[in-house]
Amino acid sequence: MGKDLGKTAVVRALETLAETKQIKEKIYGKQKVYVADQSQLPALNENEIKAMDQQITQLTGQLQQSQVETQRLEGELQNYKSLLSTEEAKAELQKTIRDVEQLTAKIQQLKEGRVLVSKEDREKVLKRRNHYVKEWRKRKRISMDIVGAVLEGYQKTKRQLLEEIGIETDEDHSVVPPDI
């Protein structure tokens, strides 16, 4: 841009223009206001003013139409930006095809009756099962020992004691701990 002008230079230039009657100077107290001298401008006739008003109206309408079209196009652009690109869509398609192939193979294995559990997973599950069966038997033995101790001083039968204190046994539900 142009060179920077200080306040003093600008004030001097404005005062010079005012002295040569190129602009008008108006003083309000300590402040001076400079305005363009409109008497130097060519006079416009009524027809020219009406033509300019019509042109302004026409251009304002075009501006509004352009703004509406711009908003519509920006919305459309945002929609396109949110969609997958061709490369991303191709990558997503390839991933989906691989997933379908894997699931199809798994379904085929299940139909053929093949075991899909790995040896490690099977061993882990069996180990946990055995642990829980041991705990089941241990807790059953402890509870029956306690019931036996109570029965030593109890007048009624074991069945009556269990019903009275609300204990349900495995036998009541026809359940047997599995073999290890």
C-alpha atoms as a PDB file:
ATOM      1  CA  MET A   1       0.000   0.000   0.000  1.00  0.00           C
ATOM      2  CA  GLY A   2       1.004   3.660   0.091  1.00  0.00           C
ATOM      3  CA  LYS A   3       3.355   5.156   2.591  1.00  0.00           C
ATOM      4  CA  ASP A   4       2.112   5.818   6.106  1.00  0.00           C
ATOM      5  CA  LEU A   5       1.109   9.394   6.743  1.00  0.00           C
ATOM      6  CA  GLY A   6       1.203  10.997  10.160  1.00  0.00           C
ATOM      7  CA  LYS A   7      -1.688  12.949  11.643  1.00  0.00           C
ATOM      8  CA  THR A   8       0.040  16.286  11.019  1.00  0.00           C
ATOM      9  CA  ALA A   9       0.535  15.571   7.313  1.00  0.00           C
ATOM     10  CA  VAL A  10      -3.090  14.523   6.905  1.00  0.00           C
ATOM     11  CA  VAL A  11      -4.371  17.636   8.691  1.00  0.00           C
ATOM     12  CA  ARG A  12      -2.143  19.883   6.513  1.00  0.00           C
ATOM     13  CA  ALA A  13      -3.348  18.162   3.329  1.00  0.00           C
ATOM     14  CA  LEU A  14      -7.017  18.565   4.367  1.00  0.00           C
ATOM     15  CA  GLU A  15      -6.497  22.260   5.197  1.00  0.00           C
ATOM     16  CA  THR A  16      -4.794  22.815   1.827  1.00  0.00           C
ATOM     17  CA  LEU A  17      -7.711  21.146  -0.001  1.00  0.00           C
ATOM     18  CA  ALA A  18     -10.157  23.291   1.987  1.00  0.00           C
ATOM     19  CA  GLU A  19      -8.241  26.493   1.100  1.00  0.00           C
ATOM     20  CA  THR A  20      -8.324  25.602  -2.596  1.00  0.00           C
ATOM     21  CA  LYS A  21     -12.105  24.947  -2.291  1.00  0.00           C
ATOM     22  CA  GLN A  22     -11.790  21.285  -3.338  1.00  0.00           C
ATOM     23  CA  ILE A  23     -13.456  20.184  -0.059  1.00  0.00           C
ATOM     24  CA  LYS A  24     -15.465  22.081   2.562  1.00  0.00           C
ATOM     25  CA  GLU A  25     -14.419  22.561   6.152  1.00  0.00           C
ATOM     26  CA  LYS A  26     -17.016  22.713   8.947  1.00  0.00           C
ATOM     27  CA  ILE A  27     -15.999  23.651  12.464  1.00  0.00           C
ATOM     28  CA  TYR A  28     -17.856  22.292  15.509  1.00  0.00           C
ATOM     29  CA  GLY A  29     -16.211  23.724  18.613  1.00  0.00           C
ATOM     30  CA  LYS A  30     -12.631  22.508  18.598  1.00  0.00           C
ATOM     31  CA  GLN A  31     -13.297  19.864  15.973  1.00  0.00           C
ATOM     32  CA  LYS A  32     -13.128  20.281  12.227  1.00  0.00           C
ATOM     33  CA  VAL A  33     -15.089  18.123   9.814  1.00  0.00           C
ATOM     34  CA  TYR A  34     -14.144  17.918   6.143  1.00  0.00           C
ATOM     35  CA  VAL A  35     -16.734  16.957   3.521  1.00  0.00           C
ATOM     36  CA  ALA A  36     -16.781  16.770  -0.258  1.00  0.00           C
ATOM     37  CA  ASP A  37     -17.905  19.932  -2.033  1.00  0.00           C
ATOM     38  CA  GLN A  38     -20.926  18.686  -3.930  1.00  0.00           C
ATOM     39  CA  SER A  39     -21.303  21.930  -5.821  1.00  0.00           C
ATOM     40  CA  GLN A  40     -18.336  20.804  -7.937  1.00  0.00           C
ATOM     41  CA  LEU A  41     -20.129  17.625  -8.990  1.00  0.00           C
ATOM     42  CA  PRO A  42     -22.154  17.658 -12.202  1.00  0.00           C
ATOM     43  CA  ALA A  43     -25.880  18.096 -11.682  1.00  0.00           C
ATOM     44  CA  LEU A  44     -28.039  15.083 -12.506  1.00  0.00           C
ATOM     45  CA  ASN A  45     -31.426  15.426 -14.072  1.00  0.00           C
ATOM     46  CA  GLU A  46     -34.508  13.518 -12.837  1.00  0.00           C
ATOM     47  CA  ASN A  47     -34.326  10.922 -15.631  1.00  0.00           C
ATOM     48  CA  GLU A  48     -30.738  10.012 -14.737  1.00  0.00           C
ATOM     49  CA  ILE A  49     -31.677   9.664 -11.043  1.00  0.00           C
ATOM     50  CA  LYS A  50     -34.660   7.438 -11.927  1.00  0.00           C
ATOM     51  CA  ALA A  51     -32.459   5.334 -14.217  1.00  0.00           C
ATOM     52  CA  MET A  52     -29.887   4.960 -11.413  1.00  0.00           C
ATOM     53  CA  ASP A  53     -32.660   3.998  -8.931  1.00  0.00           C
ATOM     54  CA  GLN A  54     -33.939   1.358 -11.377  1.00  0.00           C
ATOM     55  CA  GLN A  55     -30.413   0.071 -11.867  1.00  0.00           C
ATOM     56  CA  ILE A  56     -29.925  -0.087  -8.072  1.00  0.00           C
ATOM     57  CA  THR A  57     -33.207  -2.005  -7.703  1.00  0.00           C
ATOM     58  CA  GLN A  58     -32.238  -4.383 -10.500  1.00  0.00           C
ATOM     59  CA  LEU A  59     -28.742  -4.953  -9.086  1.00  0.00           C
ATOM     60  CA  THR A  60     -30.155  -5.470  -5.559  1.00  0.00           C
ATOM     61  CA  GLY A  61     -32.492  -8.158  -6.939  1.00  0.00           C
ATOM     62  CA  GLN A  62     -29.602  -9.842  -8.748  1.00  0.00           C
ATOM     63  CA  LEU A  63     -27.527  -9.678  -5.549  1.00  0.00           C
ATOM     64  CA  GLN A  64     -30.310 -11.356  -3.561  1.00  0.00           C
ATOM     65  CA  GLN A  65     -30.680 -14.087  -6.196  1.00  0.00           C
ATOM     66  CA  SER A  66     -26.921 -14.606  -6.193  1.00  0.00           C
ATOM     67  CA  GLN A  67     -26.896 -14.863  -2.390  1.00  0.00           C
ATOM     68  CA  VAL A  68     -29.700 -17.449  -2.412  1.00  0.00           C
ATOM     69  CA  GLU A  69     -27.910 -19.459  -5.110  1.00  0.00           C
ATOM     70  CA  THR A  70     -24.628 -19.198  -3.160  1.00  0.00           C
ATOM     71  CA  GLN A  71     -26.306 -20.520  -0.003  1.00  0.00           C
ATOM     72  CA  ARG A  72     -27.853 -23.397  -1.942  1.00  0.00           C
ATOM     73  CA  LEU A  73     -24.509 -24.283  -3.525  1.00  0.00           C
ATOM     74  CA  GLU A  74     -22.700 -24.058  -0.172  1.00  0.00           C
ATOM     75  CA  GLY A  75     -25.259 -26.458   1.329  1.00  0.00           C
ATOM     76  CA  GLU A  76     -24.765 -28.828  -1.584  1.00  0.00           C
ATOM     77  CA  LEU A  77     -20.995 -28.574  -1.135  1.00  0.00           C
ATOM     78  CA  GLN A  78     -21.334 -29.470   2.561  1.00  0.00           C
ATOM     79  CA  ASN A  79     -23.396 -32.524   1.586  1.00  0.00           C
ATOM     80  CA  TYR A  80     -20.705 -33.642  -0.845  1.00  0.00           C
ATOM     81  CA  LYS A  81     -17.975 -33.068   1.752  1.00  0.00           C
ATOM     82  CA  SER A  82     -19.790 -35.349   4.206  1.00  0.00           C
ATOM     83  CA  LEU A  83     -19.937 -38.198   1.656  1.00  0.00           C
ATOM     84  CA  LEU A  84     -17.156 -40.724   1.209  1.00  0.00           C
ATOM     85  CA  SER A  85     -14.638 -40.008  -1.487  1.00  0.00           C
ATOM     86  CA  THR A  86     -14.275 -42.557  -4.288  1.00  0.00           C
ATOM     87  CA  GLU A  87     -11.103 -43.945  -2.709  1.00  0.00           C
ATOM     88  CA  GLU A  88     -12.741 -44.176   0.719  1.00  0.00           C
ATOM     89  CA  ALA A  89     -15.807 -45.877  -0.757  1.00  0.00           C
ATOM     90  CA  LYS A  90     -13.608 -48.408  -2.592  1.00  0.00           C
ATOM     91  CA  ALA A  91     -11.667 -49.142   0.619  1.00  0.00           C
ATOM     92  CA  GLU A  92     -14.925 -49.546   2.559  1.00  0.00           C
ATOM     93  CA  LEU A  93     -16.269 -51.863  -0.145  1.00  0.00           C
ATOM     94  CA  GLN A  94     -13.123 -54.029  -0.012  1.00  0.00           C
ATOM     95  CA  LYS A  95     -13.365 -54.246   3.792  1.00  0.00           C
ATOM     96  CA  THR A  96     -17.032 -55.232   3.563  1.00  0.00           C
ATOM     97  CA  ILE A  97     -16.259 -57.879   0.925  1.00  0.00           C
ATOM     98  CA  ARG A  98     -13.547 -59.365   3.198  1.00  0.00           C
ATOM     99  CA  ASP A  99     -15.955 -59.388   6.147  1.00  0.00           C
ATOM    100  CA  VAL A 100     -18.631 -61.126   4.072  1.00  0.00           C
ATOM    101  CA  GLU A 101     -16.127 -63.743   2.892  1.00  0.00           C
ATOM    102  CA  GLN A 102     -15.000 -64.423   6.468  1.00  0.00           C
ATOM    103  CA  LEU A 103     -18.569 -64.725   7.720  1.00  0.00           C
ATOM    104  CA  THR A 104     -19.521 -66.953   4.789  1.00  0.00           C
ATOM    105  CA  ALA A 105     -16.590 -69.252   5.577  1.00  0.00           C
ATOM    106  CA  LYS A 106     -17.577 -69.343   9.247  1.00  0.00           C
ATOM    107  CA  ILE A 107     -21.186 -70.209   8.331  1.00  0.00           C
ATOM    108  CA  GLN A 108     -19.934 -72.993   6.044  1.00  0.00           C
ATOM    109  CA  GLN A 109     -17.792 -74.402   8.863  1.00  0.00           C
ATOM    110  CA  LEU A 110     -20.761 -74.331  11.222  1.00  0.00           C
ATOM    111  CA  LYS A 111     -22.937 -76.103   8.637  1.00  0.00           C
ATOM    112  CA  GLU A 112     -20.283 -78.795   8.239  1.00  0.00           C
ATOM    113  CA  GLY A 113     -20.146 -79.259  12.020  1.00  0.00           C
ATOM    114  CA  ARG A 114     -16.518 -78.215  12.384  1.00  0.00           C
ATOM    115  CA  VAL A 115     -15.376 -76.923  15.753  1.00  0.00           C
ATOM    116  CA  LEU A 116     -14.600 -73.237  15.682  1.00  0.00           C
ATOM    117  CA  VAL A 117     -13.187 -72.996  19.192  1.00  0.00           C
ATOM    118  CA  SER A 118      -9.426 -72.930  19.396  1.00  0.00           C
ATOM    119  CA  LYS A 119      -7.616 -75.515  21.501  1.00  0.00           C
ATOM    120  CA  GLU A 120      -6.399 -72.818  23.911  1.00  0.00           C
ATOM    121  CA  ASP A 121      -9.894 -71.410  24.399  1.00  0.00           C
ATOM    122  CA  ARG A 122     -11.310 -74.884  24.945  1.00  0.00           C
ATOM    123  CA  GLU A 123      -8.659 -75.708  27.549  1.00  0.00           C
ATOM    124  CA  LYS A 124      -9.240 -72.392  29.306  1.00  0.00           C
ATOM    125  CA  VAL A 125     -12.995 -72.993  29.486  1.00  0.00           C
ATOM    126  CA  LEU A 126     -12.535 -76.561  30.736  1.00  0.00           C
ATOM    127  CA  LYS A 127     -10.072 -75.399  33.405  1.00  0.00           C
ATOM    128  CA  ARG A 128     -12.541 -72.761  34.631  1.00  0.00           C
ATOM    129  CA  ARG A 129     -15.361 -75.332  34.576  1.00  0.00           C
ATOM    130  CA  ASN A 130     -13.333 -77.765  36.668  1.00  0.00           C
ATOM    131  CA  HIS A 131     -12.511 -75.016  39.162  1.00  0.00           C
ATOM    132  CA  TYR A 132     -16.189 -74.109  39.549  1.00  0.00           C
ATOM    133  CA  VAL A 133     -17.253 -77.763  39.905  1.00  0.00           C
ATOM    134  CA  LYS A 134     -14.662 -78.244  42.689  1.00  0.00           C
ATOM    135  CA  GLU A 135     -15.939 -75.102  44.430  1.00  0.00           C
ATOM    136  CA  TRP A 136     -19.533 -76.353  44.074  1.00  0.00           C
ATOM    137  CA  ARG A 137     -18.704 -79.694  45.682  1.00  0.00           C
ATOM    138  CA  LYS A 138     -16.619 -78.049  48.415  1.00  0.00           C
ATOM    139  CA  ARG A 139     -19.393 -75.614  49.357  1.00  0.00           C
ATOM    140  CA  LYS A 140     -22.010 -78.373  49.227  1.00  0.00           C
ATOM    141  CA  ARG A 141     -19.894 -80.505  51.596  1.00  0.00           C
ATOM    142  CA  ILE A 142     -19.361 -77.582  54.023  1.00  0.00           C
ATOM    143  CA  SER A 143     -23.075 -76.729  54.097  1.00  0.00           C
ATOM    144  CA  MET A 144     -24.076 -80.366  54.627  1.00  0.00           C
ATOM    145  CA  ASP A 145     -21.506 -80.623  57.457  1.00  0.00           C
ATOM    146  CA  ILE A 146     -23.131 -77.598  59.107  1.00  0.00           C
ATOM    147  CA  VAL A 147     -26.611 -79.116  58.609  1.00  0.00           C
ATOM    148  CA  GLY A 148     -25.288 -82.392  60.138  1.00  0.00           C
ATOM    149  CA  ALA A 149     -23.937 -80.529  63.160  1.00  0.00           C
ATOM    150  CA  VAL A 150     -27.299 -78.806  63.699  1.00  0.00           C
ATOM    151  CA  LEU A 151     -29.127 -82.146  63.291  1.00  0.00           C
ATOM    152  CA  GLU A 152     -27.243 -83.676  66.249  1.00  0.00           C
ATOM    153  CA  GLY A 153     -29.316 -81.593  68.658  1.00  0.00           C
ATOM    154  CA  TYR A 154     -32.419 -81.364  66.491  1.00  0.00           C
ATOM    155  CA  GLN A 155     -35.524 -83.422  67.186  1.00  0.00           C
ATOM    156  CA  LYS A 156     -36.925 -83.653  63.643  1.00  0.00           C
ATOM    157  CA  THR A 157     -35.659 -85.166  60.383  1.00  0.00           C
ATOM    158  CA  LYS A 158     -33.070 -83.655  58.033  1.00  0.00           C
ATOM    159  CA  ARG A 159     -35.782 -82.941  55.422  1.00  0.00           C
ATOM    160  CA  GLN A 160     -37.869 -81.050  57.996  1.00  0.00           C
ATOM    161  CA  LEU A 161     -34.832 -78.996  59.114  1.00  0.00           C
ATOM    162  CA  LEU A 162     -33.950 -78.056  55.532  1.00  0.00           C
ATOM    163  CA  GLU A 163     -37.560 -76.993  54.834  1.00  0.00           C
ATOM    164  CA  GLU A 164     -37.753 -75.032  58.105  1.00  0.00           C
ATOM    165  CA  ILE A 165     -34.598 -72.983  57.409  1.00  0.00           C
ATOM    166  CA  GLY A 166     -35.347 -72.671  53.655  1.00  0.00           C
ATOM    167  CA  ILE A 167     -32.437 -74.553  52.135  1.00  0.00           C
ATOM    168  CA  GLU A 168     -32.974 -76.121  48.721  1.00  0.00           C
ATOM    169  CA  THR A 169     -30.611 -78.946  47.825  1.00  0.00           C
ATOM    170  CA  ASP A 170     -29.294 -80.114  44.468  1.00  0.00           C
ATOM    171  CA  GLU A 171     -31.415 -83.218  44.865  1.00  0.00           C
ATOM    172  CA  ASP A 172     -34.578 -81.083  45.206  1.00  0.00           C
ATOM    173  CA  HIS A 173     -33.936 -79.863  41.668  1.00  0.00           C
ATOM    174  CA  SER A 174     -32.497 -83.121  40.295  1.00  0.00           C
ATOM    175  CA  VAL A 175     -29.079 -81.549  39.784  1.00  0.00           C
ATOM    176  CA  VAL A 176     -25.844 -83.472  40.078  1.00  0.00           C
ATOM    177  CA  PRO A 177     -22.388 -81.852  39.911  1.00  0.00           C
ATOM    178  CA  PRO A 178     -20.693 -83.045  36.702  1.00  0.00           C
ATOM    179  CA  ASP A 179     -17.635 -85.246  36.774  1.00  0.00           C
ATOM    180  CA  ILE A 180     -14.304 -83.564  36.465  1.00  0.00           C
END
